[in-house]
Amino acid sequence: MNIHEAKEQIKNAVTAYLTKDELGRYVIPPQKQRPIFLMGPPGVGKTAIMEQVASELGIGLLSYSMTHHTRQSALGLPLIKHVNYQGSEYDVSEYTMSEIISSVYELMENTGIQNGILFLDEINCVSETLTPIMLQFLQYKVFGRHEVPAGWIVVTAGNPPEYNRSVREFDIATWDRLKRVDVEPDFAVWKEFAYLNGVHSSILTYLEIKKGNFYKVETTVDGKRFVTARGWDDLSQMIHLYEQHKIPVDQKLVEQYIQNPEIAQDFAIYYDLYNKYKSDYQIKDILAGTASTDIQERAKRAKFDERFSLVGLLLDAVMGAMRESTEEEDVLGELVKTLRVFKRESKTEDGAALLKKYIQNNRKKLNAGIRAKSLSEAQQKQKLQVMRILEEQSKLVQSDPKQAAFALVKKDFDNRLKAFQKRSDALSEQVRHMFAFCDTVFPNGQEQLILVTELTANPYSARFLGEHKVDAYFVHDKELMFHQRQLEPGNCGSGALRKLFFCNCQIEVR
């Protein structure tokens, strides 16, 4: 199965394992909860989906790579305990608590989170001395005499033998105690992850043209050559930072992440060409509806790869802005909730002190979520942005103590909302210009279908277009017309901002 299907399998299993009956007992007792074993090639995204599962379920996540552990760190250190059996004194060997088990308890104590996932990676590559201990752990979820706390689900991962010579095969008795989930690389599924994590558009466009270069592991006379999903993701982050600091991106950088010389060279060449198209086509002019005749004529004459790259550049510009827009909308939605509470509490308490209390509460939740890995990067960013705005509003209240605190905060929020709506309207207009340009230069091509397909596949752009009516988006693919129902007045969802924008309502803080 692909990585998305594997994620859903794990998420469903964790949900089932954490289910309790009317007496507060786990329906499946902890000792009967099979550890989940995620089997897949390196760099396919096993660790990433564990983070997603934890954040989506709001539970903790503690990760360990078992190749870094010794018998002592996993099992604990031996100690001598004096005991009395039937009137006789004996010296009995015991073990201190495992580093792994103690870390679970420590996380619970520090964050207050009682449920979570204990993720043990590379479980089938442990040292020979550790193998018996790990097999015992997989069967009974204990290290020595110390069990994994109830409410913590054991998920393990490993590579198939063909990818790692250190792999130790499990026997049937061990496999029969595990819930095995096999995963294979899938570019189409990885794209969803890529959109959510802002993978560089040059990588996405390149891999759309050459999907066979997404994941490849081969053995040559010169050794192993490989390209993985992890490699593309890590390369993307460096490209973003290099561009930010105006550092040239060259083949030497690419080869550090894409460890296949031919593919690394091929992408480096494409990246240079991609940037040339970005400069030549003046993307900002196209989105502003002011593209010159020369640009239009060049696009008409362009070959497929160039046209595809142009479409990728246009999509990158609008989808990046759509992501920022949806993230800003979520922040404003959180501020609405806070504003309602603030209106009520500020009648009897000091406004500035209240805002500081809200900031402290948000920071506490953020720190706990980061430590427990129960918050995604997007959720962390949202909380940070909310705190930044609350801090600005706190300063605003302190600067004008004669004014009612709520009135000042409400006015500030209204101004932010108006600015957001103005930017959203401008972005909708850019999308219209993008489709109009493609209609002019590619009247009978597949480019419009590519635009619609990619805009629909990206969660951020799909949401934006579901909340902001852009007719051109729906005109080009009748199969997507069902989205129109979401745009009809009175049927735009329950969110306060959606009601404001599409039902012509006003946010009423009650």
Protein backbone atom coordinates (compact mmCIF):
# COMPACT_ATOMS: atom_id res chain seq x y z
CA MET A 1 0.00 0.00 0.00
CA ASN A 2 1.03 3.65 -0.37
CA ILE A 3 2.10 5.87 2.49
CA HIS A 4 -1.34 7.52 2.79
CA GLU A 5 -3.09 4.17 3.10
CA ALA A 6 -0.49 3.07 5.65
CA LYS A 7 -1.10 6.22 7.67
CA GLU A 8 -4.85 5.56 7.75
CA GLN A 9 -4.25 1.95 8.81
CA ILE A 10 -2.05 3.08 11.71
CA LYS A 11 -4.40 5.91 12.69
CA ASN A 12 -7.38 3.54 12.75
CA ALA A 13 -5.47 0.96 14.78
CA VAL A 14 -4.38 3.54 17.37
CA THR A 15 -7.97 4.81 17.61
CA ALA A 16 -9.20 1.25 18.19
CA TYR A 17 -6.50 0.48 20.77
CA LEU A 18 -7.37 3.62 22.77
CA THR A 19 -11.10 2.81 22.84
CA LYS A 20 -12.51 2.16 26.32
CA ASP A 21 -15.75 0.54 27.47
CA GLU A 22 -18.37 2.01 29.83
CA LEU A 23 -16.25 0.96 32.83
CA GLY A 24 -13.15 2.79 31.61
CA ARG A 25 -11.34 -0.39 30.56
CA TYR A 26 -9.58 -0.71 27.23
CA VAL A 27 -11.77 -2.81 24.92
CA ILE A 28 -8.58 -4.49 23.71
CA PRO A 29 -6.40 -4.90 26.82
CA PRO A 30 -2.90 -3.39 26.46
CA GLN A 31 -1.27 -6.83 26.61
CA LYS A 32 -3.44 -7.91 23.63
CA GLN A 33 -2.73 -4.82 21.54
CA ARG A 34 -0.43 -6.02 18.81
CA PRO A 35 2.51 -3.70 18.13
CA ILE A 36 2.20 -2.22 14.65
CA PHE A 37 5.13 -3.01 12.34
CA LEU A 38 5.55 -0.58 9.43
CA MET A 39 7.67 -2.25 6.76
CA GLY A 40 8.99 -0.12 3.91
CA PRO A 41 12.07 1.07 2.02
CA PRO A 42 14.26 3.84 3.48
CA GLY A 43 13.21 7.45 3.02
CA VAL A 44 9.63 6.62 2.03
CA GLY A 45 8.11 8.74 4.83
CA LYS A 46 7.52 6.35 7.73
CA THR A 47 8.60 8.83 10.39
CA ALA A 48 6.63 11.66 8.78
CA ILE A 49 3.34 9.78 8.91
CA MET A 50 3.84 8.98 12.58
CA GLU A 51 4.10 12.71 13.27
CA GLN A 52 0.92 13.28 11.27
CA VAL A 53 -0.98 10.55 13.13
CA ALA A 54 0.05 11.98 16.51
CA SER A 55 -0.91 15.56 15.61
CA GLU A 56 -4.23 14.55 14.05
CA LEU A 57 -5.21 12.46 17.08
CA GLY A 58 -3.80 14.99 19.56
CA ILE A 59 -1.64 12.42 21.35
CA GLY A 60 2.05 12.26 22.23
CA LEU A 61 4.84 10.82 20.13
CA LEU A 62 8.16 9.50 21.34
CA SER A 63 10.59 8.24 18.69
CA TYR A 64 13.71 6.12 18.97
CA SER A 65 16.08 4.64 16.42
CA MET A 66 16.90 1.22 17.81
CA THR A 67 20.23 0.96 15.99
CA HIS A 68 21.54 3.58 18.44
CA HIS A 69 20.68 1.54 21.51
CA THR A 70 22.66 -1.00 23.46
CA ARG A 71 21.42 -3.78 25.70
CA GLN A 72 22.00 -1.56 28.74
CA SER A 73 20.11 1.50 27.47
CA ALA A 74 17.14 -0.59 26.29
CA LEU A 75 16.95 -3.06 29.19
CA GLY A 76 18.41 -0.98 32.02
CA LEU A 77 21.36 -1.62 34.30
CA PRO A 78 21.48 -4.68 36.60
CA LEU A 79 21.31 -4.25 40.35
CA ILE A 80 21.24 -6.58 43.35
CA LYS A 81 18.12 -6.67 45.52
CA HIS A 82 17.94 -8.41 48.88
CA VAL A 83 14.75 -10.43 49.38
CA ASN A 84 13.36 -12.87 51.91
CA TYR A 85 11.79 -16.09 50.68
CA GLN A 86 10.25 -18.38 53.36
CA GLY A 87 12.56 -17.06 56.03
CA SER A 88 15.74 -17.19 54.01
CA GLU A 89 17.69 -14.22 52.62
CA TYR A 90 18.57 -14.14 48.92
CA ASP A 91 20.33 -11.79 46.53
CA VAL A 92 18.24 -11.30 43.40
CA SER A 93 19.27 -9.49 40.23
CA GLU A 94 16.92 -6.83 38.88
CA TYR A 95 17.20 -4.07 36.34
CA THR A 96 16.76 -0.34 36.52
CA MET A 97 14.05 1.17 34.35
CA SER A 98 14.84 1.26 30.65
CA GLU A 99 15.79 4.62 29.18
CA ILE A 100 12.99 4.18 26.66
CA ILE A 101 10.27 3.39 29.23
CA SER A 102 11.42 6.16 31.57
CA SER A 103 11.25 8.66 28.70
CA VAL A 104 7.58 7.81 28.22
CA TYR A 105 6.83 8.47 31.89
CA GLU A 106 8.88 11.68 31.78
CA LEU A 107 6.91 12.94 28.79
CA MET A 108 3.64 12.18 30.55
CA GLU A 109 4.77 14.03 33.68
CA ASN A 110 6.03 17.10 31.81
CA THR A 111 3.17 17.54 29.35
CA GLY A 112 0.13 16.04 31.07
CA ILE A 113 -0.53 13.97 27.94
CA GLN A 114 -1.47 10.44 28.98
CA ASN A 115 -1.92 8.79 25.57
CA GLY A 116 0.66 8.49 22.85
CA ILE A 117 2.70 6.47 20.39
CA LEU A 118 6.05 4.90 21.21
CA PHE A 119 7.70 4.69 17.79
CA LEU A 120 10.74 2.41 17.52
CA ASP A 121 12.42 2.70 14.13
CA GLU A 122 14.80 0.21 12.52
CA ILE A 123 13.56 -2.45 14.89
CA ASN A 124 14.81 -5.31 12.72
CA CYS A 125 18.37 -3.94 12.57
CA VAL A 126 19.30 -4.10 16.26
CA SER A 127 22.57 -5.60 17.44
CA GLU A 128 22.88 -9.32 18.11
CA THR A 129 22.97 -8.79 21.89
CA LEU A 130 19.79 -6.73 21.78
CA THR A 131 17.80 -9.06 19.51
CA PRO A 132 16.38 -11.36 22.25
CA ILE A 133 15.33 -8.35 24.31
CA MET A 134 13.56 -6.76 21.36
CA LEU A 135 11.74 -9.97 20.50
CA GLN A 136 10.55 -10.16 24.10
CA PHE A 137 9.46 -6.52 23.92
CA LEU A 138 7.46 -7.06 20.73
CA GLN A 139 5.65 -9.98 22.34
CA TYR A 140 5.03 -8.57 25.82
CA LYS A 141 5.81 -4.79 25.55
CA VAL A 142 8.25 -4.96 28.49
CA PHE A 143 11.91 -4.13 28.97
CA GLY A 144 13.07 -6.17 31.96
CA ARG A 145 10.19 -5.89 34.43
CA HIS A 146 8.95 -2.51 33.26
CA GLU A 147 5.96 -2.29 30.92
CA VAL A 148 4.99 0.39 28.42
CA PRO A 149 2.33 2.49 30.23
CA ALA A 150 -1.29 1.82 29.34
CA GLY A 151 -2.52 4.31 26.73
CA TRP A 152 0.76 4.22 24.82
CA ILE A 153 0.65 2.31 21.56
CA VAL A 154 3.79 0.61 20.25
CA VAL A 155 4.52 1.25 16.58
CA THR A 156 7.71 -0.06 15.03
CA ALA A 157 9.29 0.27 11.61
CA GLY A 158 11.97 -1.43 9.57
CA ASN A 159 13.42 -1.90 6.10
CA PRO A 160 13.05 -5.01 3.93
CA PRO A 161 16.24 -7.13 3.71
CA GLU A 162 16.98 -6.02 0.14
CA TYR A 163 17.61 -2.48 1.36
CA ASN A 164 19.65 -3.21 4.45
CA ARG A 165 22.14 -6.01 5.02
CA SER A 166 21.82 -5.56 8.80
CA VAL A 167 18.20 -6.74 8.79
CA ARG A 168 17.44 -9.71 11.01
CA GLU A 169 14.51 -11.84 9.96
CA PHE A 170 11.77 -12.42 12.52
CA ASP A 171 10.44 -15.91 13.11
CA ILE A 172 6.80 -16.85 12.61
CA ALA A 173 6.08 -16.69 16.34
CA THR A 174 7.15 -13.03 16.39
CA TRP A 175 5.33 -12.05 13.19
CA ASP A 176 2.20 -13.68 14.58
CA ARG A 177 2.23 -11.16 17.43
CA LEU A 178 2.58 -8.09 15.19
CA LYS A 179 0.18 -6.06 13.09
CA ARG A 180 2.19 -5.72 9.86
CA VAL A 181 1.69 -2.84 7.44
CA ASP A 182 3.73 -2.83 4.21
CA VAL A 183 4.29 0.44 2.37
CA GLU A 184 5.71 1.32 -1.06
CA PRO A 185 6.73 4.68 -2.56
CA ASP A 186 4.02 6.46 -4.56
CA PHE A 187 4.67 9.87 -6.13
CA ALA A 188 1.00 10.84 -6.48
CA VAL A 189 0.44 10.30 -2.76
CA TRP A 190 3.71 12.00 -1.81
CA LYS A 191 2.54 15.10 -3.68
CA GLU A 192 -0.14 15.65 -1.04
CA PHE A 193 2.57 15.69 1.62
CA ALA A 194 4.65 17.93 -0.63
CA TYR A 195 1.87 20.49 -0.98
CA LEU A 196 1.24 20.57 2.77
CA ASN A 197 4.94 21.04 3.49
CA GLY A 198 5.72 23.54 0.75
CA VAL A 199 8.10 21.41 -1.31
CA HIS A 200 9.82 23.61 -3.91
CA SER A 201 7.81 23.89 -7.11
CA SER A 202 10.85 23.11 -9.30
CA ILE A 203 11.02 19.66 -7.68
CA LEU A 204 7.31 19.01 -8.10
CA THR A 205 7.32 20.14 -11.73
CA TYR A 206 10.44 18.11 -12.52
CA LEU A 207 9.01 14.95 -10.97
CA GLU A 208 5.74 15.42 -12.83
CA ILE A 209 7.72 15.28 -16.05
CA LYS A 210 10.00 12.46 -14.90
CA LYS A 211 8.05 10.43 -12.33
CA GLY A 212 10.53 7.55 -12.64
CA ASN A 213 13.13 9.68 -10.86
CA PHE A 214 11.04 10.09 -7.70
CA TYR A 215 12.29 6.96 -5.95
CA LYS A 216 15.05 4.69 -7.18
CA VAL A 217 17.49 2.34 -5.49
CA GLU A 218 19.99 0.42 -7.61
CA THR A 219 23.28 -1.39 -7.19
CA THR A 220 26.09 -0.63 -9.63
CA VAL A 221 29.78 -1.49 -9.88
CA ASP A 222 30.41 1.82 -8.13
CA GLY A 223 28.13 0.94 -5.23
CA LYS A 224 24.61 1.93 -4.21
CA ARG A 225 22.83 4.72 -6.04
CA PHE A 226 19.56 5.96 -4.65
CA VAL A 227 16.94 8.66 -4.70
CA THR A 228 14.31 8.80 -1.96
CA ALA A 229 11.31 10.91 -0.97
CA ARG A 230 13.28 12.07 2.07
CA GLY A 231 16.08 13.25 -0.23
CA TRP A 232 13.73 15.40 -2.33
CA ASP A 233 12.10 16.87 0.78
CA ASP A 234 15.43 17.75 2.40
CA LEU A 235 16.76 19.19 -0.87
CA SER A 236 13.64 21.34 -1.14
CA GLN A 237 14.27 22.92 2.26
CA MET A 238 17.84 23.79 1.28
CA ILE A 239 16.75 25.27 -2.06
CA HIS A 240 14.26 27.53 -0.27
CA LEU A 241 16.97 28.73 2.14
CA TYR A 242 19.61 29.13 -0.59
CA GLU A 243 17.21 31.25 -2.61
CA GLN A 244 16.34 33.30 0.48
CA HIS A 245 20.03 34.07 1.04
CA LYS A 246 20.75 34.41 -2.71
CA ILE A 247 23.17 31.47 -2.64
CA PRO A 248 23.47 29.68 -6.01
CA VAL A 249 21.86 26.24 -6.23
CA ASP A 250 24.17 24.01 -8.26
CA GLN A 251 24.74 20.35 -9.03
CA LYS A 252 27.12 19.98 -6.09
CA LEU A 253 24.29 20.84 -3.69
CA VAL A 254 21.83 18.55 -5.45
CA GLU A 255 24.24 15.58 -5.32
CA GLN A 256 24.41 15.88 -1.54
CA TYR A 257 20.74 14.82 -1.34
CA ILE A 258 20.03 13.06 -4.64
CA GLN A 259 22.63 10.31 -4.55
CA ASN A 260 22.29 9.24 -8.15
CA PRO A 261 24.70 11.24 -10.35
CA GLU A 262 22.58 11.11 -13.51
CA ILE A 263 19.37 12.21 -11.78
CA ALA A 264 21.20 14.87 -9.76
CA GLN A 265 22.71 16.32 -12.93
CA ASP A 266 19.40 16.14 -14.76
CA PHE A 267 17.57 18.02 -12.02
CA ALA A 268 20.32 20.65 -11.68
CA ILE A 269 20.00 21.39 -15.39
CA TYR A 270 16.22 21.55 -15.10
CA TYR A 271 16.42 23.87 -12.07
CA ASP A 272 18.49 26.37 -14.06
CA LEU A 273 16.02 26.15 -16.94
CA TYR A 274 13.11 26.54 -14.55
CA ASN A 275 14.55 29.78 -13.19
CA LYS A 276 15.16 31.02 -16.72
CA TYR A 277 11.50 30.48 -17.55
CA LYS A 278 10.58 32.29 -14.32
CA SER A 279 12.54 35.31 -15.46
CA ASP A 280 11.57 35.19 -19.12
CA TYR A 281 7.82 34.82 -18.65
CA GLN A 282 7.38 37.53 -16.01
CA ILE A 283 4.88 35.58 -13.94
CA LYS A 284 3.77 38.66 -11.98
CA ASP A 285 2.63 40.34 -15.21
CA ILE A 286 0.63 37.28 -16.25
CA LEU A 287 -1.15 37.15 -12.89
CA ALA A 288 -1.80 40.89 -13.07
CA GLY A 289 -3.42 40.45 -16.48
CA THR A 290 -0.76 42.58 -18.22
CA ALA A 291 1.26 39.92 -20.05
CA SER A 292 2.89 41.34 -23.18
CA THR A 293 2.19 40.09 -26.69
CA ASP A 294 5.76 38.75 -26.88
CA ILE A 295 5.21 36.56 -23.81
CA GLN A 296 1.93 35.25 -25.21
CA GLU A 297 3.53 34.42 -28.57
CA ARG A 298 6.46 32.63 -26.93
CA ALA A 299 4.09 30.53 -24.82
CA LYS A 300 2.13 29.57 -27.94
CA ARG A 301 5.32 28.34 -29.66
CA ALA A 302 6.76 26.59 -26.60
CA LYS A 303 7.34 22.82 -26.49
CA PHE A 304 5.60 20.62 -23.96
CA ASP A 305 8.29 20.70 -21.25
CA GLU A 306 8.46 24.50 -21.41
CA ARG A 307 4.67 24.86 -21.33
CA PHE A 308 4.49 22.46 -18.41
CA SER A 309 7.15 24.42 -16.54
CA LEU A 310 5.27 27.65 -17.22
CA VAL A 311 2.09 26.16 -15.78
CA GLY A 312 4.12 25.00 -12.77
CA LEU A 313 5.43 28.53 -12.22
CA LEU A 314 1.92 29.97 -12.37
CA LEU A 315 0.61 27.35 -9.97
CA ASP A 316 3.50 27.91 -7.58
CA ALA A 317 2.73 31.62 -7.39
CA VAL A 318 -1.00 31.28 -6.75
CA MET A 319 -0.88 28.17 -4.56
CA GLY A 320 1.77 29.69 -2.33
CA ALA A 321 -0.47 32.73 -1.85
CA MET A 322 -3.49 30.48 -1.25
CA ARG A 323 -1.62 28.63 1.46
CA GLU A 324 -0.80 31.92 3.20
CA SER A 325 -4.43 32.99 2.84
CA THR A 326 -5.89 29.82 4.40
CA GLU A 327 -3.35 29.94 7.22
CA GLU A 328 -4.25 33.58 7.91
CA GLU A 329 -7.95 32.69 7.89
CA ASP A 330 -7.33 29.98 10.50
CA VAL A 331 -5.49 32.49 12.68
CA LEU A 332 -8.37 34.96 12.39
CA GLY A 333 -10.78 32.15 13.28
CA GLU A 334 -8.82 31.44 16.47
CA LEU A 335 -8.83 35.15 17.29
CA VAL A 336 -12.62 35.21 16.95
CA LYS A 337 -12.87 32.55 19.67
CA THR A 338 -10.52 34.52 21.92
CA LEU A 339 -12.39 37.77 21.22
CA ARG A 340 -15.67 36.27 22.37
CA VAL A 341 -14.11 35.17 25.67
CA PHE A 342 -12.35 38.53 26.01
CA LYS A 343 -15.60 40.46 25.57
CA ARG A 344 -17.15 38.62 28.49
CA GLU A 345 -14.17 38.59 30.85
CA SER A 346 -12.97 42.15 30.17
CA LYS A 347 -16.15 43.51 31.78
CA THR A 348 -14.85 42.51 35.20
CA GLU A 349 -11.09 42.08 34.71
CA ASP A 350 -8.20 44.20 33.44
CA GLY A 351 -7.95 43.89 29.66
CA ALA A 352 -4.15 43.96 29.39
CA ALA A 353 -3.81 41.37 32.15
CA LEU A 354 -6.35 39.13 30.41
CA LEU A 355 -4.47 39.26 27.12
CA LYS A 356 -1.22 38.37 28.88
CA LYS A 357 -3.02 35.41 30.49
CA TYR A 358 -4.24 34.24 27.05
CA ILE A 359 -0.68 34.51 25.72
CA GLN A 360 0.71 32.48 28.62
CA ASN A 361 -1.94 29.78 28.17
CA ASN A 362 -1.18 29.55 24.45
CA ARG A 363 2.55 29.37 25.11
CA LYS A 364 2.05 26.60 27.68
CA LYS A 365 -0.03 24.56 25.23
CA LEU A 366 2.49 25.20 22.47
CA ASN A 367 5.47 24.08 24.54
CA ALA A 368 3.63 20.96 25.72
CA GLY A 369 2.58 20.15 22.16
CA ILE A 370 6.10 20.60 20.81
CA ARG A 371 7.56 18.40 23.53
CA ALA A 372 4.93 15.71 23.03
CA LYS A 373 5.04 16.10 19.21
CA SER A 374 1.26 16.31 19.25
CA LEU A 375 1.22 19.51 17.18
CA SER A 376 2.03 19.67 13.49
CA GLU A 377 4.26 22.39 12.06
CA ALA A 378 1.17 24.19 10.78
CA GLN A 379 -0.47 24.07 14.22
CA GLN A 380 2.68 25.38 15.87
CA LYS A 381 2.89 28.22 13.38
CA GLN A 382 -0.76 29.10 13.96
CA LYS A 383 -0.31 29.32 17.73
CA LEU A 384 2.79 31.49 17.32
CA GLN A 385 0.93 33.87 15.01
CA VAL A 386 -2.02 34.08 17.41
CA MET A 387 0.33 34.91 20.29
CA ARG A 388 2.10 37.57 18.21
CA ILE A 389 -1.21 39.32 17.47
CA LEU A 390 -2.34 39.05 21.09
CA GLU A 391 0.93 40.66 22.17
CA GLU A 392 0.33 43.52 19.73
CA GLN A 393 -3.21 43.94 21.03
CA SER A 394 -1.94 43.91 24.61
CA LYS A 395 0.43 46.79 23.82
CA LEU A 396 -2.45 48.60 22.12
CA VAL A 397 -4.62 48.31 25.23
CA GLN A 398 -1.80 49.48 27.49
CA SER A 399 -1.09 52.50 25.30
CA ASP A 400 -4.65 53.85 25.63
CA PRO A 401 -5.97 52.94 29.12
CA LYS A 402 -8.88 55.39 28.85
CA GLN A 403 -10.47 53.44 26.03
CA ALA A 404 -12.48 50.27 26.68
CA ALA A 405 -10.16 47.31 26.13
CA PHE A 406 -12.67 45.29 24.14
CA ALA A 407 -13.42 48.19 21.79
CA LEU A 408 -9.71 48.60 21.00
CA VAL A 409 -9.18 44.88 20.41
CA LYS A 410 -12.35 44.56 18.31
CA LYS A 411 -11.30 47.50 16.12
CA ASP A 412 -7.86 45.97 15.61
CA PHE A 413 -9.45 42.65 14.62
CA ASP A 414 -11.85 44.35 12.19
CA ASN A 415 -8.94 46.09 10.48
CA ARG A 416 -7.08 42.78 10.13
CA LEU A 417 -10.22 41.17 8.72
CA LYS A 418 -10.71 43.92 6.12
CA ALA A 419 -7.08 43.66 5.03
CA PHE A 420 -7.43 39.89 4.76
CA GLN A 421 -10.56 40.18 2.63
CA LYS A 422 -8.84 42.69 0.32
CA ARG A 423 -5.87 40.32 -0.20
CA SER A 424 -8.25 37.40 -0.81
CA ASP A 425 -10.13 39.35 -3.47
CA ALA A 426 -6.85 40.30 -5.17
CA LEU A 427 -5.75 36.65 -5.17
CA SER A 428 -9.05 35.56 -6.73
CA GLU A 429 -8.44 38.09 -9.48
CA GLN A 430 -4.95 36.66 -10.09
CA VAL A 431 -6.48 33.21 -10.55
CA ARG A 432 -8.88 34.63 -13.14
CA HIS A 433 -5.99 36.24 -15.01
CA MET A 434 -4.07 32.95 -14.92
CA PHE A 435 -6.92 31.04 -16.56
CA ALA A 436 -7.51 33.85 -19.06
CA PHE A 437 -3.85 33.76 -20.11
CA CYS A 438 -3.93 29.98 -20.59
CA ASP A 439 -7.19 30.27 -22.55
CA THR A 440 -5.46 32.69 -24.90
CA VAL A 441 -2.15 30.88 -25.44
CA PHE A 442 -3.30 27.25 -25.00
CA PRO A 443 -6.86 27.26 -26.42
CA ASN A 444 -6.89 23.57 -27.31
CA GLY A 445 -4.22 22.20 -24.97
CA GLN A 446 -4.16 20.22 -21.75
CA GLU A 447 -2.78 23.10 -19.72
CA GLN A 448 -6.17 24.14 -18.30
CA LEU A 449 -6.85 20.58 -17.20
CA ILE A 450 -3.44 20.52 -15.48
CA LEU A 451 -4.29 23.78 -13.72
CA VAL A 452 -7.63 22.45 -12.46
CA THR A 453 -6.18 19.07 -11.44
CA GLU A 454 -3.30 20.55 -9.46
CA LEU A 455 -5.43 23.25 -7.83
CA THR A 456 -7.85 20.56 -6.71
CA ALA A 457 -5.13 18.21 -5.44
CA ASN A 458 -3.52 20.87 -3.26
CA PRO A 459 -5.44 21.04 0.06
CA TYR A 460 -4.78 24.77 0.47
CA SER A 461 -5.85 25.81 -3.04
CA ALA A 462 -8.84 23.43 -2.97
CA ARG A 463 -10.02 25.06 0.24
CA PHE A 464 -9.43 28.59 -1.05
CA LEU A 465 -11.37 27.93 -4.25
CA GLY A 466 -14.10 26.26 -2.22
CA GLU A 467 -14.54 29.47 -0.25
CA HIS A 468 -13.90 32.12 -2.94
CA LYS A 469 -15.90 31.90 -6.12
CA VAL A 470 -13.61 31.94 -9.16
CA ASP A 471 -15.77 31.00 -12.14
CA ALA A 472 -12.85 30.18 -14.42
CA TYR A 473 -11.83 27.31 -12.14
CA PHE A 474 -15.18 25.55 -12.57
CA VAL A 475 -15.64 26.27 -16.26
CA HIS A 476 -12.71 24.12 -17.33
CA ASP A 477 -13.78 20.84 -15.75
CA LYS A 478 -17.44 19.94 -15.34
CA GLU A 479 -16.50 17.08 -13.02
CA LEU A 480 -15.56 19.64 -10.41
CA MET A 481 -18.88 21.48 -10.54
CA PHE A 482 -20.02 19.83 -7.31
CA HIS A 483 -17.85 22.40 -5.54
CA GLN A 484 -20.36 25.06 -6.62
CA ARG A 485 -22.83 23.81 -4.03
CA GLN A 486 -20.35 24.84 -1.35
CA LEU A 487 -20.37 28.39 -2.69
CA GLU A 488 -24.15 28.95 -2.66
CA PRO A 489 -25.46 31.44 -0.04
CA GLY A 490 -26.42 29.71 3.16
CA ASN A 491 -24.37 26.62 2.28
CA CYS A 492 -20.83 27.78 2.86
CA GLY A 493 -20.11 26.09 6.16
CA SER A 494 -20.37 27.09 9.78
CA GLY A 495 -17.12 29.06 10.10
CA ALA A 496 -17.54 32.67 11.13
CA LEU A 497 -15.27 33.93 8.38
CA ARG A 498 -17.03 31.90 5.68
CA LYS A 499 -20.36 33.38 6.77
CA LEU A 500 -18.87 36.82 6.60
CA PHE A 501 -17.43 36.42 3.12
CA PHE A 502 -20.06 34.38 1.34
CA CYS A 503 -23.36 34.82 3.18
CA ASN A 504 -22.96 38.57 3.61
CA CYS A 505 -23.18 38.19 7.39
CA GLN A 506 -21.28 39.99 10.12
CA ILE A 507 -19.18 38.43 12.85
CA GLU A 508 -21.08 38.93 16.05
CA VAL A 509 -19.03 38.45 19.17
CA ARG A 510 -21.42 37.07 21.75
